[in-house]
Amino acid sequence: MKVKNVTIGIKSVKEMLGEAGDVMKKLERGEKVPKKGPGIYFDTLDTMRKAITEERIRIIKVIRQRHPASIYELAKILGRNIKNVSDDVHYLADLGLIELQKAKTDGREKKIPRVNYEKIRLEIAV
């Protein structure tokens, strides 16, 4: 498994569009555009706080440390309702903070949550 770091940042829509415009201009001129690491950006700190809660960070840490074999096992480790854990895990997967591997056991399909990075960096432009 290749280990990476993930950046979570706060950027206004104007900043994001400006960066995208700069990249397009470089591409039009035939210049190489340096590849950035994986990142997730929110437009405000409040939006980020709603998405990245303490409980969701706890889920990420437990997956990284305990390697649960399913979302059900993760819910048992956390002592939480399976539906709520499943919702949080799928949301984190949609953000790209968790990978879900499909596996079949005894004819049943299950999803194995995986975290393949060591750090989350918080980046706030000033």
C-alpha atoms as a PDB file:
ATOM      1  CA  MET A   1       0.000   0.000   0.000  1.00  0.00           C
ATOM      2  CA  LYS A   2       1.390   3.379  -0.988  1.00  0.00           C
ATOM      3  CA  VAL A   3       1.187   5.819   1.906  1.00  0.00           C
ATOM      4  CA  LYS A   4       0.305   9.424   1.214  1.00  0.00           C
ATOM      5  CA  ASN A   5      -0.681  12.564   3.035  1.00  0.00           C
ATOM      6  CA  VAL A   6      -3.985  14.330   2.461  1.00  0.00           C
ATOM      7  CA  THR A   7      -4.401  18.089   2.594  1.00  0.00           C
ATOM      8  CA  ILE A   8      -7.659  19.620   3.779  1.00  0.00           C
ATOM      9  CA  GLY A   9      -7.874  23.293   3.057  1.00  0.00           C
ATOM     10  CA  ILE A  10     -10.000  26.390   3.117  1.00  0.00           C
ATOM     11  CA  LYS A  11     -10.129  28.320  -0.145  1.00  0.00           C
ATOM     12  CA  SER A  12     -12.724  30.693  -1.446  1.00  0.00           C
ATOM     13  CA  VAL A  13     -14.438  29.916  -4.719  1.00  0.00           C
ATOM     14  CA  LYS A  14     -12.597  32.914  -6.193  1.00  0.00           C
ATOM     15  CA  GLU A  15      -9.217  31.427  -5.164  1.00  0.00           C
ATOM     16  CA  MET A  16     -10.083  28.006  -6.583  1.00  0.00           C
ATOM     17  CA  LEU A  17     -11.254  29.478  -9.893  1.00  0.00           C
ATOM     18  CA  GLY A  18      -8.114  31.634 -10.051  1.00  0.00           C
ATOM     19  CA  GLU A  19      -5.892  28.584  -9.580  1.00  0.00           C
ATOM     20  CA  ALA A  20      -7.839  26.654 -12.216  1.00  0.00           C
ATOM     21  CA  GLY A  21      -7.457  29.585 -14.623  1.00  0.00           C
ATOM     22  CA  ASP A  22      -3.688  29.681 -14.022  1.00  0.00           C
ATOM     23  CA  VAL A  23      -3.426  25.955 -14.748  1.00  0.00           C
ATOM     24  CA  MET A  24      -5.409  26.325 -17.981  1.00  0.00           C
ATOM     25  CA  LYS A  25      -3.191  29.210 -19.137  1.00  0.00           C
ATOM     26  CA  LYS A  26      -0.064  27.115 -18.503  1.00  0.00           C
ATOM     27  CA  LEU A  27      -1.558  24.200 -20.429  1.00  0.00           C
ATOM     28  CA  GLU A  28      -2.454  26.476 -23.358  1.00  0.00           C
ATOM     29  CA  ARG A  29       1.181  27.667 -23.472  1.00  0.00           C
ATOM     30  CA  GLY A  30       2.341  24.042 -23.425  1.00  0.00           C
ATOM     31  CA  GLU A  31       3.953  24.355 -19.987  1.00  0.00           C
ATOM     32  CA  LYS A  32       4.043  21.485 -17.557  1.00  0.00           C
ATOM     33  CA  VAL A  33       1.789  21.821 -14.564  1.00  0.00           C
ATOM     34  CA  PRO A  34       3.220  20.379 -11.341  1.00  0.00           C
ATOM     35  CA  LYS A  35       1.063  17.650  -9.865  1.00  0.00           C
ATOM     36  CA  LYS A  36      -0.291  18.420  -6.420  1.00  0.00           C
ATOM     37  CA  GLY A  37      -0.920  15.787  -3.770  1.00  0.00           C
ATOM     38  CA  PRO A  38      -4.443  14.709  -2.918  1.00  0.00           C
ATOM     39  CA  GLY A  39      -6.497  17.446  -1.336  1.00  0.00           C
ATOM     40  CA  ILE A  40      -9.992  18.383  -0.283  1.00  0.00           C
ATOM     41  CA  TYR A  41     -10.963  22.028  -0.107  1.00  0.00           C
ATOM     42  CA  PHE A  42     -13.900  23.769   1.511  1.00  0.00           C
ATOM     43  CA  ASP A  43     -15.044  27.343   0.942  1.00  0.00           C
ATOM     44  CA  THR A  44     -15.335  28.217   4.645  1.00  0.00           C
ATOM     45  CA  LEU A  45     -14.050  26.936   7.963  1.00  0.00           C
ATOM     46  CA  ASP A  46     -17.642  26.416   9.091  1.00  0.00           C
ATOM     47  CA  THR A  47     -18.346  24.147   6.109  1.00  0.00           C
ATOM     48  CA  MET A  48     -15.219  22.149   6.894  1.00  0.00           C
ATOM     49  CA  ARG A  49     -16.222  21.772  10.561  1.00  0.00           C
ATOM     50  CA  LYS A  50     -19.589  20.335   9.519  1.00  0.00           C
ATOM     51  CA  ALA A  51     -17.923  17.818   7.202  1.00  0.00           C
ATOM     52  CA  ILE A  52     -14.884  16.819   9.267  1.00  0.00           C
ATOM     53  CA  THR A  53     -16.257  16.241  12.758  1.00  0.00           C
ATOM     54  CA  GLU A  54     -14.453  14.784  15.760  1.00  0.00           C
ATOM     55  CA  GLU A  55     -16.419  11.540  15.365  1.00  0.00           C
ATOM     56  CA  ARG A  56     -15.414  11.216  11.710  1.00  0.00           C
ATOM     57  CA  ILE A  57     -11.763  11.802  12.630  1.00  0.00           C
ATOM     58  CA  ARG A  58     -12.184   9.066  15.264  1.00  0.00           C
ATOM     59  CA  ILE A  59     -13.520   6.730  12.552  1.00  0.00           C
ATOM     60  CA  ILE A  60     -10.472   7.427  10.377  1.00  0.00           C
ATOM     61  CA  LYS A  61      -8.097   6.767  13.287  1.00  0.00           C
ATOM     62  CA  VAL A  62      -9.813   3.499  14.253  1.00  0.00           C
ATOM     63  CA  ILE A  63      -9.729   2.251  10.665  1.00  0.00           C
ATOM     64  CA  ARG A  64      -6.032   3.116  10.385  1.00  0.00           C
ATOM     65  CA  GLN A  65      -5.112   1.495  13.721  1.00  0.00           C
ATOM     66  CA  ARG A  66      -7.461  -1.501  13.963  1.00  0.00           C
ATOM     67  CA  HIS A  67      -8.074  -2.476  10.297  1.00  0.00           C
ATOM     68  CA  PRO A  68     -11.716  -3.601  10.706  1.00  0.00           C
ATOM     69  CA  ALA A  69     -12.868  -6.241   8.231  1.00  0.00           C
ATOM     70  CA  SER A  70     -16.223  -4.537   7.619  1.00  0.00           C
ATOM     71  CA  ILE A  71     -18.307  -1.487   8.454  1.00  0.00           C
ATOM     72  CA  TYR A  72     -20.236  -3.690  10.884  1.00  0.00           C
ATOM     73  CA  GLU A  73     -17.016  -4.578  12.733  1.00  0.00           C
ATOM     74  CA  LEU A  74     -16.051  -0.891  12.766  1.00  0.00           C
ATOM     75  CA  ALA A  75     -19.402  -0.004  14.345  1.00  0.00           C
ATOM     76  CA  LYS A  76     -18.839  -2.655  17.042  1.00  0.00           C
ATOM     77  CA  ILE A  77     -15.349  -1.285  17.812  1.00  0.00           C
ATOM     78  CA  LEU A  78     -16.739   2.260  18.032  1.00  0.00           C
ATOM     79  CA  GLY A  79     -19.783   1.214  20.074  1.00  0.00           C
ATOM     80  CA  ARG A  80     -22.052   3.069  17.641  1.00  0.00           C
ATOM     81  CA  ASN A  81     -25.148   2.311  15.606  1.00  0.00           C
ATOM     82  CA  ILE A  82     -24.284   0.542  12.324  1.00  0.00           C
ATOM     83  CA  LYS A  83     -26.492   2.878  10.236  1.00  0.00           C
ATOM     84  CA  ASN A  84     -24.810   6.031  11.582  1.00  0.00           C
ATOM     85  CA  VAL A  85     -21.320   4.579  11.143  1.00  0.00           C
ATOM     86  CA  SER A  86     -22.201   3.441   7.617  1.00  0.00           C
ATOM     87  CA  ASP A  87     -23.451   6.937   6.739  1.00  0.00           C
ATOM     88  CA  ASP A  88     -20.260   8.522   8.102  1.00  0.00           C
ATOM     89  CA  VAL A  89     -18.010   5.990   6.342  1.00  0.00           C
ATOM     90  CA  HIS A  90     -19.745   6.507   2.988  1.00  0.00           C
ATOM     91  CA  TYR A  91     -19.546  10.291   3.401  1.00  0.00           C
ATOM     92  CA  LEU A  92     -15.808  10.060   4.163  1.00  0.00           C
ATOM     93  CA  ALA A  93     -15.400   7.757   1.154  1.00  0.00           C
ATOM     94  CA  ASP A  94     -17.187  10.323  -1.041  1.00  0.00           C
ATOM     95  CA  LEU A  95     -14.694  12.942   0.190  1.00  0.00           C
ATOM     96  CA  GLY A  96     -11.822  10.594  -0.627  1.00  0.00           C
ATOM     97  CA  LEU A  97     -10.646  10.175   2.970  1.00  0.00           C
ATOM     98  CA  ILE A  98     -11.551   6.470   3.136  1.00  0.00           C
ATOM     99  CA  GLU A  99     -11.434   3.753   0.499  1.00  0.00           C
ATOM    100  CA  LEU A 100     -14.028   0.996   0.491  1.00  0.00           C
ATOM    101  CA  GLN A 101     -12.908  -2.385  -0.847  1.00  0.00           C
ATOM    102  CA  LYS A 102     -15.604  -4.837  -1.854  1.00  0.00           C
ATOM    103  CA  ALA A 103     -15.215  -8.423  -0.705  1.00  0.00           C
ATOM    104  CA  LYS A 104     -17.405 -11.530  -0.623  1.00  0.00           C
ATOM    105  CA  THR A 105     -17.618 -13.768   2.405  1.00  0.00           C
ATOM    106  CA  ASP A 106     -20.008 -16.731   2.504  1.00  0.00           C
ATOM    107  CA  GLY A 107     -21.817 -15.334  -0.524  1.00  0.00           C
ATOM    108  CA  ARG A 108     -22.383 -11.965   1.164  1.00  0.00           C
ATOM    109  CA  GLU A 109     -20.809  -8.806  -0.135  1.00  0.00           C
ATOM    110  CA  LYS A 110     -19.214  -6.502   2.396  1.00  0.00           C
ATOM    111  CA  LYS A 111     -17.217  -3.308   2.229  1.00  0.00           C
ATOM    112  CA  ILE A 112     -13.863  -3.121   3.966  1.00  0.00           C
ATOM    113  CA  PRO A 113     -12.897   0.429   4.986  1.00  0.00           C
ATOM    114  CA  ARG A 114      -9.258   1.387   4.380  1.00  0.00           C
ATOM    115  CA  VAL A 115      -7.184   4.463   5.157  1.00  0.00           C
ATOM    116  CA  ASN A 116      -4.022   4.600   3.059  1.00  0.00           C
ATOM    117  CA  TYR A 117      -2.382   7.750   4.362  1.00  0.00           C
ATOM    118  CA  GLU A 118      -0.561   8.713   7.531  1.00  0.00           C
ATOM    119  CA  LYS A 119      -1.424  12.373   7.993  1.00  0.00           C
ATOM    120  CA  ILE A 120      -4.057  14.949   7.277  1.00  0.00           C
ATOM    121  CA  ARG A 121      -2.634  18.430   6.879  1.00  0.00           C
ATOM    122  CA  LEU A 122      -4.843  21.461   7.434  1.00  0.00           C
ATOM    123  CA  GLU A 123      -4.109  24.355   5.098  1.00  0.00           C
ATOM    124  CA  ILE A 124      -5.728  27.757   5.481  1.00  0.00           C
ATOM    125  CA  ALA A 125      -4.832  30.536   3.088  1.00  0.00           C
ATOM    126  CA  VAL A 126      -4.518  33.972   4.695  1.00  0.00           C
END
